[in-house]
Every structure is written in structure tokens, then in C-alpha cells.
Amino acid sequence: MSTGKIYKIDEIKAKVEEMRNNSLPWIESMDVSVASDEIAMEDIDNDFKREMVFYNQAHASAQIAINKLQKLNIPVFRPPDYFAEMAKSKEHMDKIKNRLDEIKKHEELQKTIRRLREEKKFAAKIQKQRRVEQMEAKHKEKKERENEKKKLKSKLKAKK
């Protein structure tokens, strides 16, 4: 961002002075100025730093204004028990609440269905694994019996 030349400096200063000399009380204008040393910037081309300067200037101005208002005994903050009028009716808010409850119940139902499906798959997998293990055990037993039969037959043949 380039620094452009400011024209009509004398007229601007005159207008500022005219606004300062205005006889209206501060509460009517609520104008707040911040010292120029608080808004000094090193790098005007850095957008982030420039935005932070604007933010800090606004924050300092707000603090000054709040202090002035409190000195004038003008309430600045809402009382803790203050309830503003709702933009939406109670019926509309109830509809929204019911809709959110329905969505939550539906999500919980979907989660439960998903969990049951996973449990069913897991149970089927375990059952299949047990059947395979049982079949392997039976097959192993059968082989052992056949081997024992062969041994006994060979012993019988050897005795004859």
C-alpha cells in the first residue's frame, strides 16, 4: 500500500478544531480520540499488523468511552438478570428444539443399528471360527483313530 499525499490539510484541521469547539456535551457526540503514539505502525504494508493496530485503537477507544460513561453514571453493561425479547416466537423455538431432538434420536438410533450390525458380524465371525476349530479337532481325532487302527492292524499282522 502506497502512502498517498493528503490534500486540504488546513481545511481538515479547521474542521477538527470546529468539532472540538462544539458546545454540545460529550454524551451527545461520544467522540473518543486515542493518542497517536498508540496507533503508530512500523510496517504499513503488513496487513496483519495494520489490522492489529486498528483493533488496538478501537479497544482503547472503547475503554475510554466506558470509563467516561461510568463517571457520568450511565449504565454500560446489562444486568445479569436481563432477558432481551426473542426475535423468534416460543412456538418457533419449540419447533426447532423438537427438530433437534428428532435429529439426535435418529443419530442415536443409527448408531445403535450400526453397533448391532457390527456385533452380529462379529458374532458370526466367532461362530464360524469355532465351527472351523471344531471341524479341525474332529478331523484331527479321526486321523489319530485311523493311525491307531493302522498300528493295531499292523501289530495283529505281525503277531500272526
C-alpha atoms as a PDB file:
ATOM      1  CA  MET A   1       0.000   0.000   0.000  1.00  0.00           C
ATOM      2  CA  SER A   2       1.485   3.306  -1.002  1.00  0.00           C
ATOM      3  CA  THR A   3       1.300   6.398   1.140  1.00  0.00           C
ATOM      4  CA  GLY A   4      -0.636   8.954  -0.855  1.00  0.00           C
ATOM      5  CA  LYS A   5      -0.389  12.684  -0.406  1.00  0.00           C
ATOM      6  CA  ILE A   6      -3.070  14.203   1.802  1.00  0.00           C
ATOM      7  CA  TYR A   7      -4.637  17.321   0.323  1.00  0.00           C
ATOM      8  CA  LYS A   8      -6.504  20.139   2.071  1.00  0.00           C
ATOM      9  CA  ILE A   9      -4.677  19.633   5.369  1.00  0.00           C
ATOM     10  CA  ASP A  10      -5.597  23.101   6.609  1.00  0.00           C
ATOM     11  CA  GLU A  11      -9.293  22.522   5.921  1.00  0.00           C
ATOM     12  CA  ILE A  12      -9.215  19.149   7.697  1.00  0.00           C
ATOM     13  CA  LYS A  13      -7.504  20.658  10.747  1.00  0.00           C
ATOM     14  CA  ALA A  14     -10.027  23.510  10.785  1.00  0.00           C
ATOM     15  CA  LYS A  15     -12.934  21.046  10.712  1.00  0.00           C
ATOM     16  CA  VAL A  16     -11.412  19.015  13.556  1.00  0.00           C
ATOM     17  CA  GLU A  17     -10.944  22.192  15.594  1.00  0.00           C
ATOM     18  CA  GLU A  18     -14.533  23.225  14.858  1.00  0.00           C
ATOM     19  CA  MET A  19     -15.788  19.849  16.106  1.00  0.00           C
ATOM     20  CA  ARG A  20     -13.672  20.212  19.263  1.00  0.00           C
ATOM     21  CA  ASN A  21     -15.051  23.676  19.979  1.00  0.00           C
ATOM     22  CA  ASN A  22     -18.618  22.485  19.588  1.00  0.00           C
ATOM     23  CA  SER A  23     -20.549  23.338  22.744  1.00  0.00           C
ATOM     24  CA  LEU A  24     -22.525  20.075  22.848  1.00  0.00           C
ATOM     25  CA  PRO A  25     -21.919  17.859  25.882  1.00  0.00           C
ATOM     26  CA  TRP A  26     -19.774  14.765  25.347  1.00  0.00           C
ATOM     27  CA  ILE A  27     -22.721  12.410  25.795  1.00  0.00           C
ATOM     28  CA  GLU A  28     -24.314  13.882  22.646  1.00  0.00           C
ATOM     29  CA  SER A  29     -21.385  13.026  20.380  1.00  0.00           C
ATOM     30  CA  MET A  30     -19.492  10.379  22.370  1.00  0.00           C
ATOM     31  CA  ASP A  31     -16.379  11.094  20.340  1.00  0.00           C
ATOM     32  CA  VAL A  32     -13.206   9.440  21.591  1.00  0.00           C
ATOM     33  CA  SER A  33      -9.655  10.075  20.423  1.00  0.00           C
ATOM     34  CA  VAL A  34      -6.657   7.871  21.016  1.00  0.00           C
ATOM     35  CA  ALA A  35      -3.130   9.236  21.367  1.00  0.00           C
ATOM     36  CA  SER A  36      -1.138   8.995  18.154  1.00  0.00           C
ATOM     37  CA  ASP A  37       1.665   7.021  19.837  1.00  0.00           C
ATOM     38  CA  GLU A  38      -0.839   4.193  20.403  1.00  0.00           C
ATOM     39  CA  ILE A  39      -1.567   3.913  16.695  1.00  0.00           C
ATOM     40  CA  ALA A  40       2.000   4.101  15.358  1.00  0.00           C
ATOM     41  CA  MET A  41       2.884   1.398  12.833  1.00  0.00           C
ATOM     42  CA  GLU A  42       6.286   0.168  11.764  1.00  0.00           C
ATOM     43  CA  ASP A  43       5.250  -1.663   8.598  1.00  0.00           C
ATOM     44  CA  ILE A  44       2.235  -0.155   6.881  1.00  0.00           C
ATOM     45  CA  ASP A  45       2.270  -2.843   4.149  1.00  0.00           C
ATOM     46  CA  ASN A  46       1.776  -5.707   6.616  1.00  0.00           C
ATOM     47  CA  ASP A  47      -1.977  -6.335   6.592  1.00  0.00           C
ATOM     48  CA  PHE A  48      -1.992  -8.316   9.830  1.00  0.00           C
ATOM     49  CA  LYS A  49      -0.097  -5.660  11.786  1.00  0.00           C
ATOM     50  CA  ARG A  50      -2.284  -2.927  10.317  1.00  0.00           C
ATOM     51  CA  GLU A  51      -5.439  -4.795  11.362  1.00  0.00           C
ATOM     52  CA  MET A  52      -3.997  -5.281  14.856  1.00  0.00           C
ATOM     53  CA  VAL A  53      -3.357  -1.516  15.083  1.00  0.00           C
ATOM     54  CA  PHE A  54      -6.995  -0.872  14.121  1.00  0.00           C
ATOM     55  CA  TYR A  55      -8.159  -3.439  16.663  1.00  0.00           C
ATOM     56  CA  ASN A  56      -5.995  -1.987  19.452  1.00  0.00           C
ATOM     57  CA  GLN A  57      -7.144   1.542  18.601  1.00  0.00           C
ATOM     58  CA  ALA A  58     -10.808   0.502  18.737  1.00  0.00           C
ATOM     59  CA  HIS A  59     -10.236  -1.363  22.012  1.00  0.00           C
ATOM     60  CA  ALA A  60      -8.503   1.624  23.622  1.00  0.00           C
ATOM     61  CA  SER A  61     -11.283   3.947  22.428  1.00  0.00           C
ATOM     62  CA  ALA A  62     -13.948   1.641  23.835  1.00  0.00           C
ATOM     63  CA  GLN A  63     -12.188   1.545  27.214  1.00  0.00           C
ATOM     64  CA  ILE A  64     -12.004   5.348  27.320  1.00  0.00           C
ATOM     65  CA  ALA A  65     -15.693   5.662  26.389  1.00  0.00           C
ATOM     66  CA  ILE A  66     -16.756   3.083  29.009  1.00  0.00           C
ATOM     67  CA  ASN A  67     -14.824   4.937  31.715  1.00  0.00           C
ATOM     68  CA  LYS A  68     -16.415   8.272  30.727  1.00  0.00           C
ATOM     69  CA  LEU A  69     -19.907   6.751  30.686  1.00  0.00           C
ATOM     70  CA  GLN A  70     -19.387   5.170  34.106  1.00  0.00           C
ATOM     71  CA  LYS A  71     -18.235   8.546  35.508  1.00  0.00           C
ATOM     72  CA  LEU A  72     -21.495  10.018  34.208  1.00  0.00           C
ATOM     73  CA  ASN A  73     -23.410   7.190  35.970  1.00  0.00           C
ATOM     74  CA  ILE A  74     -24.741   5.884  32.676  1.00  0.00           C
ATOM     75  CA  PRO A  75     -25.180   2.094  32.695  1.00  0.00           C
ATOM     76  CA  VAL A  76     -22.920   0.375  30.192  1.00  0.00           C
ATOM     77  CA  PHE A  77     -23.416  -3.307  30.885  1.00  0.00           C
ATOM     78  CA  ARG A  78     -26.673  -5.224  31.081  1.00  0.00           C
ATOM     79  CA  PRO A  79     -27.733  -6.546  34.470  1.00  0.00           C
ATOM     80  CA  PRO A  80     -27.170 -10.296  34.885  1.00  0.00           C
ATOM     81  CA  ASP A  81     -30.904 -10.968  35.106  1.00  0.00           C
ATOM     82  CA  TYR A  82     -31.691  -9.076  31.884  1.00  0.00           C
ATOM     83  CA  PHE A  83     -33.564 -11.055  29.254  1.00  0.00           C
ATOM     84  CA  ALA A  84     -33.916  -9.445  25.849  1.00  0.00           C
ATOM     85  CA  GLU A  85     -37.006 -10.045  23.771  1.00  0.00           C
ATOM     86  CA  MET A  86     -36.521 -13.000  21.481  1.00  0.00           C
ATOM     87  CA  ALA A  87     -36.549 -12.411  17.743  1.00  0.00           C
ATOM     88  CA  LYS A  88     -38.344 -15.740  17.272  1.00  0.00           C
ATOM     89  CA  SER A  89     -41.540 -16.838  18.982  1.00  0.00           C
ATOM     90  CA  LYS A  90     -41.659 -19.521  21.671  1.00  0.00           C
ATOM     91  CA  GLU A  91     -43.592 -21.812  19.308  1.00  0.00           C
ATOM     92  CA  HIS A  92     -40.912 -21.462  16.655  1.00  0.00           C
ATOM     93  CA  MET A  93     -38.151 -22.162  19.172  1.00  0.00           C
ATOM     94  CA  ASP A  94     -40.096 -25.233  20.385  1.00  0.00           C
ATOM     95  CA  LYS A  95     -40.292 -26.475  16.787  1.00  0.00           C
ATOM     96  CA  ILE A  96     -36.547 -26.015  16.403  1.00  0.00           C
ATOM     97  CA  LYS A  97     -35.907 -27.805  19.717  1.00  0.00           C
ATOM     98  CA  ASN A  98     -38.185 -30.698  18.712  1.00  0.00           C
ATOM     99  CA  ARG A  99     -36.451 -30.951  15.337  1.00  0.00           C
ATOM    100  CA  LEU A 100     -33.037 -31.027  17.009  1.00  0.00           C
ATOM    101  CA  ASP A 101     -34.300 -33.703  19.419  1.00  0.00           C
ATOM    102  CA  GLU A 102     -35.571 -35.768  16.473  1.00  0.00           C
ATOM    103  CA  ILE A 103     -32.226 -35.447  14.718  1.00  0.00           C
ATOM    104  CA  LYS A 104     -30.413 -36.503  17.901  1.00  0.00           C
ATOM    105  CA  LYS A 105     -32.718 -39.515  18.397  1.00  0.00           C
ATOM    106  CA  HIS A 106     -32.273 -40.508  14.753  1.00  0.00           C
ATOM    107  CA  GLU A 107     -28.487 -40.306  15.094  1.00  0.00           C
ATOM    108  CA  GLU A 108     -28.609 -42.414  18.275  1.00  0.00           C
ATOM    109  CA  LEU A 109     -30.854 -44.957  16.522  1.00  0.00           C
ATOM    110  CA  GLN A 110     -28.454 -45.103  13.575  1.00  0.00           C
ATOM    111  CA  LYS A 111     -25.545 -45.543  15.974  1.00  0.00           C
ATOM    112  CA  THR A 112     -27.386 -48.369  17.775  1.00  0.00           C
ATOM    113  CA  ILE A 113     -28.268 -50.080  14.486  1.00  0.00           C
ATOM    114  CA  ARG A 114     -24.647 -49.776  13.330  1.00  0.00           C
ATOM    115  CA  ARG A 115     -23.407 -51.207  16.658  1.00  0.00           C
ATOM    116  CA  LEU A 116     -25.865 -54.138  16.485  1.00  0.00           C
ATOM    117  CA  ARG A 117     -24.823 -54.849  12.899  1.00  0.00           C
ATOM    118  CA  GLU A 118     -21.155 -54.847  13.944  1.00  0.00           C
ATOM    119  CA  GLU A 119     -21.924 -57.140  16.897  1.00  0.00           C
ATOM    120  CA  LYS A 120     -23.860 -59.513  14.640  1.00  0.00           C
ATOM    121  CA  LYS A 121     -20.969 -59.651  12.151  1.00  0.00           C
ATOM    122  CA  PHE A 122     -18.517 -60.232  14.983  1.00  0.00           C
ATOM    123  CA  ALA A 123     -20.698 -62.993  16.477  1.00  0.00           C
ATOM    124  CA  ALA A 124     -20.991 -64.680  13.068  1.00  0.00           C
ATOM    125  CA  LYS A 125     -17.227 -64.485  12.630  1.00  0.00           C
ATOM    126  CA  ILE A 126     -16.622 -66.022  16.065  1.00  0.00           C
ATOM    127  CA  GLN A 127     -19.212 -68.746  15.396  1.00  0.00           C
ATOM    128  CA  LYS A 128     -17.592 -69.583  12.058  1.00  0.00           C
ATOM    129  CA  GLN A 129     -14.177 -69.665  13.705  1.00  0.00           C
ATOM    130  CA  ARG A 130     -15.472 -72.064  16.394  1.00  0.00           C
ATOM    131  CA  ARG A 131     -17.030 -74.340  13.760  1.00  0.00           C
ATOM    132  CA  VAL A 132     -13.743 -74.423  11.872  1.00  0.00           C
ATOM    133  CA  GLU A 133     -11.868 -75.217  15.092  1.00  0.00           C
ATOM    134  CA  GLN A 134     -14.373 -77.979  15.957  1.00  0.00           C
ATOM    135  CA  MET A 135     -14.104 -79.458  12.463  1.00  0.00           C
ATOM    136  CA  GLU A 136     -10.314 -79.345  12.673  1.00  0.00           C
ATOM    137  CA  ALA A 137     -10.439 -81.025  16.091  1.00  0.00           C
ATOM    138  CA  LYS A 138     -12.781 -83.769  14.739  1.00  0.00           C
ATOM    139  CA  HIS A 139     -10.566 -84.216  11.686  1.00  0.00           C
ATOM    140  CA  LYS A 140      -7.502 -84.493  13.925  1.00  0.00           C
ATOM    141  CA  GLU A 141      -9.268 -87.038  16.186  1.00  0.00           C
ATOM    142  CA  LYS A 142     -10.356 -89.059  13.172  1.00  0.00           C
ATOM    143  CA  LYS A 143      -6.776 -89.112  11.834  1.00  0.00           C
ATOM    144  CA  GLU A 144      -5.462 -90.190  15.232  1.00  0.00           C
ATOM    145  CA  ARG A 145      -8.042 -93.013  15.393  1.00  0.00           C
ATOM    146  CA  GLU A 146      -7.158 -94.121  11.878  1.00  0.00           C
ATOM    147  CA  ASN A 147      -3.466 -94.095  12.795  1.00  0.00           C
ATOM    148  CA  GLU A 148      -4.220 -96.162  15.916  1.00  0.00           C
ATOM    149  CA  LYS A 149      -6.251 -98.609  13.795  1.00  0.00           C
ATOM    150  CA  LYS A 150      -3.362 -98.933  11.349  1.00  0.00           C
ATOM    151  CA  LYS A 151      -0.931 -99.520  14.209  1.00  0.00           C
ATOM    152  CA  LEU A 152      -3.204-102.143  15.762  1.00  0.00           C
ATOM    153  CA  LYS A 153      -3.714-103.863  12.382  1.00  0.00           C
ATOM    154  CA  SER A 154      -0.007-103.887  11.745  1.00  0.00           C
ATOM    155  CA  LYS A 155       0.593-105.354  15.242  1.00  0.00           C
ATOM    156  CA  LEU A 156      -2.058-108.017  14.618  1.00  0.00           C
ATOM    157  CA  LYS A 157      -0.492-108.911  11.281  1.00  0.00           C
ATOM    158  CA  ALA A 158       2.900-109.036  12.900  1.00  0.00           C
ATOM    159  CA  LYS A 159       1.623-111.486  15.558  1.00  0.00           C
ATOM    160  CA  LYS A 160       0.132-113.861  13.006  1.00  0.00           C
END
